[in-house]
Amino acid sequence: MSANLLRNPFKGAAAAAPFVPGLLEHLPNALVVFTMPTYQLIYVNPAAEAALDLSRKSLLGHSLLDLFGRNEALVHMITEVAEGRVAAQRQELVFESMPSRIHQESMPAHVVVAMLEEPNLMMMDWFPIDQQLRSERDERVTQQVEANKELMRNLAHEIKNPLGGIRGAAQLLEYELPDKNLREYTQVIVKESDRLQTLVDRLLAPHRKAHAMETFNVHEALERVRSLVLAEFPHGLSITRNYDTSLPDVMGDQEQLIQAVLNIVHNAAQVLQEQMKLGTAKIELKTRIARSVTIAKQHYKMAFDLHVIDNGPGIPDEIRERIFFPLVSGREGGSGLGLTLAQTFVQQHQGFIACESRPGLTVFHIQIPYRKQEMAE
């Protein structure tokens, strides 16, 4: 096997390159190497494992075409390169079926196909187009959410002092009232002041307490969430575990991350009331390793990946883009702070949280980078 450096197929006309697996392990794009004319996979990098949501061991030996729905445009690209008509092919394709596409049936992607120096070996590299669009959208939403949260914090501080004065004045007035029947009105003022005080405290809470950083088992934390929700909703609700038990421990504030996941799972349980009556309410907790991820323009080698999936009615269209904003709730009587606090806690761990929803399927996605060594230092 040649020991020359791998030349980037995106640059220059000479796309031929040696097959050196060690050089491909840390590339951010999904990449596979396969034989011709059988299309049999002989190498899969970690980014491709993550994109396909399948392990390298389960992928090796399978046909490339089985993974992408016998895509005619892809076959044409490979044929053009294999027959020597071009050194490399670059094209935007739509993959109609992929194992990992649980939210949508197709995926547009930038695809590169190139021949390697070793005989009958070809390389395919792809990058989802929607990933870039989603990243840009998430960045805009995050900026808007941060602006809203800063506004709410400022308002909370401004409300706090006069609120205490209103409550105190109502109590003094209650003692002075000659007619005890009038005290129910002062009690309304006191109780509503207390309710607003609780709301203000919840808005300010994430910024008052310092992180209690520690390493902890994520599945033990998820089991706490699971037991709490099932204790509150014991009938008609199933919370299934889809865990990758090989995950390393996460470093972070365990209580904050438990609260973040609990807010999401509890919200899901509350909107599943109709399904609970039928005994069909389902929530799935799915954990995986995500490799070579970029969060808020920062690249990480590895991240903890959590999906909270439910079969509820979905998030209403009119609030779908604003669900992480403070005081936005799709449920009557909701405070609109649960998801805001969840996002705050996740972002304080340099992670991200996103949501995709349609009737019958809602998926909350959390990624938190593994930064144990960096944080220890």
Protein backbone atom coordinates (compact mmCIF):
# COMPACT_ATOMS: atom_id res chain seq x y z
CA MET A 1 0.00 0.00 0.00
CA SER A 2 1.34 3.42 -0.94
CA ALA A 3 2.40 5.73 1.87
CA ASN A 4 1.96 8.97 -0.07
CA LEU A 5 -0.21 11.68 1.39
CA LEU A 6 -3.85 11.70 0.39
CA ARG A 7 -4.64 14.41 -2.11
CA ASN A 8 -7.93 16.22 -1.54
CA PRO A 9 -10.43 15.27 -4.30
CA PHE A 10 -12.00 18.74 -4.03
CA LYS A 11 -8.78 20.36 -5.26
CA GLY A 12 -7.10 19.93 -8.63
CA ALA A 13 -7.84 17.61 -11.52
CA ALA A 14 -5.66 14.74 -10.31
CA ALA A 15 -8.04 12.96 -8.00
CA ALA A 16 -6.15 9.67 -7.76
CA ALA A 17 -4.85 9.06 -4.25
CA PRO A 18 -3.54 6.21 -2.16
CA PHE A 19 -5.84 4.49 0.33
CA VAL A 20 -4.42 5.36 3.75
CA PRO A 21 -7.20 4.77 6.33
CA GLY A 22 -5.44 6.65 9.12
CA LEU A 23 -5.64 9.87 7.13
CA LEU A 24 -9.39 9.53 6.63
CA GLU A 25 -10.45 8.90 10.22
CA HIS A 26 -10.74 12.56 11.24
CA LEU A 27 -12.28 14.05 8.10
CA PRO A 28 -15.54 15.88 8.90
CA ASN A 29 -17.27 14.63 5.72
CA ALA A 30 -18.75 11.14 5.52
CA LEU A 31 -16.45 8.96 3.39
CA VAL A 32 -16.45 5.34 2.22
CA VAL A 33 -14.07 3.25 0.10
CA PHE A 34 -15.47 0.46 -2.08
CA THR A 35 -14.32 -2.04 -4.71
CA MET A 36 -15.29 -2.12 -8.35
CA PRO A 37 -17.23 -3.60 -10.00
CA THR A 38 -18.89 -5.15 -6.91
CA TYR A 39 -19.48 -1.84 -5.01
CA GLN A 40 -18.49 -3.72 -1.84
CA LEU A 41 -17.56 -1.46 1.11
CA ILE A 42 -14.08 -2.05 2.52
CA TYR A 43 -13.70 1.11 4.61
CA VAL A 44 -16.07 3.52 6.40
CA ASN A 45 -14.83 6.56 8.33
CA PRO A 46 -16.40 7.66 11.67
CA ALA A 47 -18.32 10.53 10.02
CA ALA A 48 -19.98 8.02 7.66
CA GLU A 49 -20.86 5.76 10.60
CA ALA A 50 -22.59 8.73 12.23
CA ALA A 51 -24.36 9.79 9.01
CA LEU A 52 -25.68 6.27 8.36
CA ASP A 53 -26.32 5.55 12.05
CA LEU A 54 -24.68 2.15 11.59
CA SER A 55 -21.41 0.77 12.91
CA ARG A 56 -18.41 0.14 10.69
CA LYS A 57 -18.58 -3.56 11.47
CA SER A 58 -22.17 -3.82 10.25
CA LEU A 59 -21.43 -1.82 7.06
CA LEU A 60 -18.26 -3.50 5.79
CA GLY A 61 -18.93 -6.07 3.09
CA HIS A 62 -22.28 -4.59 2.06
CA SER A 63 -22.94 -2.99 -1.31
CA LEU A 64 -22.74 0.79 -1.52
CA LEU A 65 -25.86 0.80 -3.68
CA ASP A 66 -27.92 -0.93 -1.00
CA LEU A 67 -27.39 2.07 1.29
CA PHE A 68 -28.60 4.73 -1.12
CA GLY A 69 -31.62 3.19 -2.82
CA ARG A 70 -29.99 2.24 -6.14
CA ASN A 71 -29.60 5.92 -7.02
CA GLU A 72 -29.25 6.18 -10.83
CA ALA A 73 -27.42 9.52 -10.70
CA LEU A 74 -24.91 8.08 -8.24
CA VAL A 75 -24.35 4.99 -10.44
CA HIS A 76 -23.77 7.29 -13.43
CA MET A 77 -21.17 9.31 -11.48
CA ILE A 78 -19.32 6.15 -10.42
CA THR A 79 -19.39 4.73 -13.96
CA GLU A 80 -17.96 7.94 -15.43
CA VAL A 81 -15.01 7.80 -13.05
CA ALA A 82 -14.51 4.01 -13.21
CA GLU A 83 -14.31 4.05 -17.00
CA GLY A 84 -11.75 6.85 -16.92
CA ARG A 85 -13.85 9.52 -18.59
CA VAL A 86 -13.17 11.95 -15.74
CA ALA A 87 -10.73 11.98 -12.82
CA ALA A 88 -13.44 12.79 -10.27
CA GLN A 89 -17.12 13.62 -10.21
CA ARG A 90 -18.72 16.31 -8.06
CA GLN A 91 -22.47 16.72 -8.02
CA GLU A 92 -25.48 17.56 -5.88
CA LEU A 93 -27.65 14.46 -5.44
CA VAL A 94 -30.79 13.58 -3.52
CA PHE A 95 -30.60 10.32 -1.58
CA GLU A 96 -34.15 9.01 -1.39
CA SER A 97 -33.56 6.41 1.33
CA MET A 98 -30.90 6.21 4.01
CA PRO A 99 -30.99 4.17 7.25
CA SER A 100 -30.57 7.23 9.47
CA ARG A 101 -33.28 9.45 7.92
CA ILE A 102 -35.87 9.07 10.67
CA HIS A 103 -37.29 12.59 10.21
CA GLN A 104 -37.49 12.85 6.42
CA GLU A 105 -37.44 10.50 3.47
CA SER A 106 -34.79 12.16 1.31
CA MET A 107 -31.53 14.01 1.80
CA PRO A 108 -29.85 16.44 -0.63
CA ALA A 109 -26.06 16.20 -0.46
CA HIS A 110 -22.82 17.33 -2.11
CA VAL A 111 -21.22 14.12 -3.40
CA VAL A 112 -17.68 13.50 -4.66
CA VAL A 113 -16.59 10.24 -6.32
CA ALA A 114 -12.93 9.57 -7.15
CA MET A 115 -10.67 6.66 -8.11
CA LEU A 116 -7.85 5.74 -5.74
CA GLU A 117 -4.35 4.66 -6.78
CA GLU A 118 -4.94 1.04 -5.76
CA PRO A 119 -6.59 -0.91 -8.62
CA ASN A 120 -10.40 -1.19 -8.50
CA LEU A 121 -10.75 0.99 -5.39
CA MET A 122 -13.00 4.04 -5.38
CA MET A 123 -13.87 6.64 -2.78
CA MET A 124 -17.17 8.43 -2.19
CA ASP A 125 -17.42 11.51 0.00
CA TRP A 126 -20.68 13.30 0.85
CA PHE A 127 -21.90 16.23 2.92
CA PRO A 128 -25.61 16.92 3.59
CA ILE A 129 -26.75 20.22 2.13
CA ASP A 130 -29.51 20.52 4.73
CA GLN A 131 -26.91 20.25 7.47
CA GLN A 132 -25.36 23.53 6.39
CA LEU A 133 -28.78 25.19 6.01
CA ARG A 134 -29.84 23.88 9.42
CA SER A 135 -26.62 25.13 10.98
CA GLU A 136 -27.23 28.63 9.58
CA ARG A 137 -30.86 28.55 10.72
CA ASP A 138 -29.91 27.33 14.20
CA GLU A 139 -27.34 30.10 14.51
CA ARG A 140 -29.97 32.73 13.65
CA VAL A 141 -32.48 31.20 16.06
CA THR A 142 -29.85 31.00 18.83
CA GLN A 143 -28.99 34.67 18.39
CA GLN A 144 -32.68 35.61 18.55
CA VAL A 145 -33.24 33.42 21.61
CA GLU A 146 -30.24 34.96 23.37
CA ALA A 147 -31.56 38.44 22.64
CA ASN A 148 -34.97 37.47 24.00
CA LYS A 149 -33.49 35.87 27.10
CA GLU A 150 -31.37 38.95 27.80
CA LEU A 151 -34.48 41.10 27.48
CA MET A 152 -36.40 38.80 29.84
CA ARG A 153 -33.59 38.85 32.41
CA ASN A 154 -33.53 42.63 32.35
CA LEU A 155 -37.30 42.77 32.71
CA ALA A 156 -37.16 40.25 35.56
CA HIS A 157 -34.71 42.43 37.46
CA GLU A 158 -36.87 45.49 36.85
CA ILE A 159 -40.02 43.66 38.01
CA LYS A 160 -38.49 42.10 41.11
CA ASN A 161 -38.21 45.17 43.36
CA PRO A 162 -41.62 46.79 42.73
CA LEU A 163 -43.21 43.35 43.00
CA GLY A 164 -41.93 43.01 46.54
CA GLY A 165 -43.31 46.44 47.34
CA ILE A 166 -46.75 45.56 45.95
CA ARG A 167 -46.88 42.37 48.00
CA GLY A 168 -45.79 44.15 51.18
CA ALA A 169 -48.33 46.95 50.69
CA ALA A 170 -51.13 44.41 50.15
CA GLN A 171 -50.25 42.65 53.40
CA LEU A 172 -50.21 45.94 55.35
CA LEU A 173 -53.51 46.93 53.79
CA GLU A 174 -55.01 43.60 54.83
CA TYR A 175 -54.26 44.33 58.50
CA GLU A 176 -55.88 47.77 58.25
CA LEU A 177 -59.10 46.72 56.53
CA PRO A 178 -62.09 46.99 58.88
CA ASP A 179 -64.15 44.50 56.89
CA LYS A 180 -62.63 40.99 56.84
CA ASN A 181 -64.64 40.14 53.72
CA LEU A 182 -62.48 42.57 51.78
CA ARG A 183 -59.35 40.59 52.61
CA GLU A 184 -60.00 38.15 49.79
CA TYR A 185 -59.00 40.96 47.42
CA THR A 186 -55.68 41.57 49.16
CA GLN A 187 -55.11 37.81 49.14
CA VAL A 188 -55.51 37.84 45.37
CA ILE A 189 -52.80 40.52 45.17
CA VAL A 190 -50.48 38.53 47.46
CA LYS A 191 -50.99 35.23 45.61
CA GLU A 192 -50.53 36.78 42.16
CA SER A 193 -47.41 38.59 43.41
CA ASP A 194 -46.06 35.24 44.62
CA ARG A 195 -46.84 33.64 41.26
CA LEU A 196 -45.00 36.40 39.41
CA GLN A 197 -42.11 36.13 41.88
CA THR A 198 -41.81 32.41 41.10
CA LEU A 199 -41.81 33.19 37.38
CA VAL A 200 -39.09 35.81 37.83
CA ASP A 201 -36.99 33.42 39.92
CA ARG A 202 -37.23 30.76 37.21
CA LEU A 203 -36.08 33.26 34.59
CA LEU A 204 -33.07 34.23 36.68
CA ALA A 205 -32.26 30.77 38.13
CA PRO A 206 -29.88 29.46 35.40
CA HIS A 207 -27.60 32.48 35.83
CA ARG A 208 -27.39 32.46 39.62
CA LYS A 209 -25.96 29.02 40.31
CA ALA A 210 -22.39 28.05 39.42
CA HIS A 211 -21.79 24.81 37.52
CA ALA A 212 -21.15 21.71 39.65
CA MET A 213 -18.85 20.02 37.13
CA GLU A 214 -18.35 16.27 37.41
CA THR A 215 -18.15 13.18 35.24
CA PHE A 216 -21.27 11.03 35.28
CA ASN A 217 -22.93 8.16 33.47
CA VAL A 218 -25.46 9.60 31.04
CA HIS A 219 -27.66 6.52 31.14
CA GLU A 220 -28.00 6.69 34.91
CA ALA A 221 -29.13 10.30 34.47
CA LEU A 222 -31.64 9.26 31.78
CA GLU A 223 -32.96 6.50 34.03
CA ARG A 224 -33.72 9.13 36.67
CA VAL A 225 -35.68 11.12 34.12
CA ARG A 226 -37.49 8.00 32.95
CA SER A 227 -38.51 6.94 36.47
CA LEU A 228 -39.74 10.44 37.39
CA VAL A 229 -41.95 10.74 34.32
CA LEU A 230 -43.33 7.20 34.59
CA ALA A 231 -44.15 7.83 38.26
CA GLU A 232 -46.27 10.82 37.21
CA PHE A 233 -47.81 9.08 34.17
CA PRO A 234 -48.05 5.40 35.18
CA HIS A 235 -50.79 4.35 32.74
CA GLY A 236 -50.77 4.17 28.95
CA LEU A 237 -47.23 5.57 28.48
CA SER A 238 -44.22 3.58 27.29
CA ILE A 239 -40.71 5.08 27.55
CA THR A 240 -38.34 2.83 25.63
CA ARG A 241 -34.56 2.75 25.94
CA ASN A 242 -32.40 2.73 22.82
CA TYR A 243 -29.02 3.14 24.50
CA ASP A 244 -25.47 2.75 23.22
CA THR A 245 -24.04 1.35 26.44
CA SER A 246 -20.46 1.92 25.27
CA LEU A 247 -20.77 5.71 25.70
CA PRO A 248 -18.06 7.25 27.91
CA ASP A 249 -19.03 9.39 30.87
CA VAL A 250 -19.92 13.02 30.22
CA MET A 251 -18.36 15.91 32.14
CA GLY A 252 -20.87 18.55 33.15
CA ASP A 253 -23.42 19.67 35.68
CA GLN A 254 -25.45 16.50 36.11
CA GLU A 255 -28.44 18.14 37.78
CA GLN A 256 -28.72 20.78 35.06
CA LEU A 257 -28.60 18.22 32.27
CA ILE A 258 -31.12 15.99 34.04
CA GLN A 259 -33.42 19.00 34.36
CA ALA A 260 -32.97 19.84 30.66
CA VAL A 261 -33.94 16.32 29.53
CA LEU A 262 -36.69 16.10 32.14
CA ASN A 263 -38.29 19.30 30.79
CA ILE A 264 -38.36 17.82 27.28
CA VAL A 265 -39.63 14.36 28.28
CA HIS A 266 -42.21 15.82 30.66
CA ASN A 267 -43.52 18.15 27.93
CA ALA A 268 -43.78 15.17 25.57
CA ALA A 269 -45.72 13.18 28.18
CA GLN A 270 -48.15 16.05 28.74
CA VAL A 271 -49.08 16.30 25.05
CA LEU A 272 -49.57 12.52 24.82
CA GLN A 273 -52.71 12.51 26.97
CA GLU A 274 -55.00 11.29 24.16
CA GLN A 275 -52.58 8.51 23.23
CA MET A 276 -52.31 7.49 26.90
CA LYS A 277 -56.07 6.90 26.99
CA LEU A 278 -55.61 4.46 24.10
CA GLY A 279 -52.45 2.94 25.57
CA THR A 280 -50.37 3.94 22.52
CA ALA A 281 -48.27 6.80 23.94
CA LYS A 282 -44.58 6.23 23.25
CA ILE A 283 -41.40 8.13 24.07
CA GLU A 284 -38.00 6.83 22.98
CA LEU A 285 -34.65 7.82 24.54
CA LYS A 286 -31.93 7.16 21.98
CA THR A 287 -28.22 7.68 22.74
CA ARG A 288 -25.31 7.49 20.32
CA ILE A 289 -21.78 8.79 19.77
CA ALA A 290 -21.47 11.62 17.22
CA ARG A 291 -18.03 11.99 15.70
CA SER A 292 -16.42 14.99 14.06
CA VAL A 293 -19.16 17.49 14.91
CA THR A 294 -19.30 21.26 14.63
CA ILE A 295 -21.32 23.19 17.22
CA ALA A 296 -21.48 26.99 17.14
CA LYS A 297 -18.56 27.03 14.65
CA GLN A 298 -16.40 25.00 17.06
CA HIS A 299 -15.19 21.59 15.90
CA TYR A 300 -15.15 18.61 18.29
CA LYS A 301 -13.86 15.10 17.72
CA MET A 302 -16.72 13.47 19.60
CA ALA A 303 -20.06 14.38 21.19
CA PHE A 304 -22.82 12.77 23.21
CA ASP A 305 -25.87 12.45 20.97
CA LEU A 306 -29.40 12.18 22.42
CA HIS A 307 -32.73 11.95 20.61
CA VAL A 308 -36.01 12.21 22.52
CA ILE A 309 -38.68 10.88 20.16
CA ASP A 310 -42.44 10.83 20.75
CA ASN A 311 -45.52 9.90 18.71
CA GLY A 312 -47.61 12.86 19.82
CA PRO A 313 -49.63 15.33 17.76
CA GLY A 314 -46.60 17.46 16.93
CA ILE A 315 -45.80 21.09 17.63
CA PRO A 316 -48.25 23.65 16.14
CA ASP A 317 -46.90 25.32 13.00
CA GLU A 318 -47.38 28.83 14.38
CA ILE A 319 -44.91 28.31 17.27
CA ARG A 320 -42.55 25.69 15.82
CA GLU A 321 -39.79 28.21 15.10
CA ARG A 322 -40.23 29.90 18.50
CA ILE A 323 -40.52 27.00 20.93
CA PHE A 324 -37.24 27.88 22.67
CA PHE A 325 -38.26 31.51 23.17
CA PRO A 326 -39.22 32.50 26.74
CA LEU A 327 -42.94 32.38 27.58
CA VAL A 328 -43.88 30.57 24.34
CA SER A 329 -46.01 27.50 25.07
CA GLY A 330 -48.14 25.22 22.92
CA ARG A 331 -50.06 23.93 25.92
CA GLU A 332 -52.79 25.72 27.85
CA GLY A 333 -51.51 26.59 31.30
CA GLY A 334 -47.85 26.08 30.34
CA SER A 335 -45.30 28.58 31.62
CA GLY A 336 -43.30 28.62 28.39
CA LEU A 337 -40.03 28.28 30.31
CA GLY A 338 -39.33 24.53 30.22
CA LEU A 339 -37.68 24.47 26.78
CA THR A 340 -36.02 27.85 27.34
CA LEU A 341 -34.32 26.49 30.46
CA ALA A 342 -33.42 23.26 28.66
CA GLN A 343 -31.73 25.22 25.88
CA THR A 344 -29.90 27.42 28.40
CA PHE A 345 -28.55 24.42 30.32
CA VAL A 346 -27.43 22.66 27.12
CA GLN A 347 -25.77 25.78 25.72
CA GLN A 348 -23.91 26.29 29.00
CA HIS A 349 -22.27 22.94 28.22
CA GLN A 350 -21.27 24.17 24.72
CA GLY A 351 -23.94 21.90 23.25
CA PHE A 352 -26.90 22.47 21.00
CA ILE A 353 -30.57 21.50 21.04
CA ALA A 354 -32.91 21.37 18.05
CA CYS A 355 -36.35 20.05 17.23
CA GLU A 356 -38.11 18.59 14.19
CA SER A 357 -41.83 17.91 14.39
CA ARG A 358 -44.79 16.75 12.38
CA PRO A 359 -48.04 15.04 13.40
CA GLY A 360 -47.18 11.64 14.85
CA LEU A 361 -43.44 12.29 15.24
CA THR A 362 -41.52 14.88 17.25
CA VAL A 363 -37.78 14.58 17.76
CA PHE A 364 -35.70 16.71 20.12
CA HIS A 365 -31.99 16.39 19.38
CA ILE A 366 -29.30 17.25 21.94
CA GLN A 367 -25.54 17.15 21.33
CA ILE A 368 -22.98 17.84 24.03
CA PRO A 369 -19.28 17.64 23.14
CA TYR A 370 -16.89 15.48 25.11
CA ARG A 371 -14.40 17.99 26.52
CA LYS A 372 -13.16 16.10 29.57
CA GLN A 373 -9.45 16.85 29.12
CA GLU A 374 -10.03 20.47 28.11
CA MET A 375 -12.29 21.14 31.09
CA ALA A 376 -10.01 19.35 33.51
CA GLU A 377 -7.20 21.66 32.47
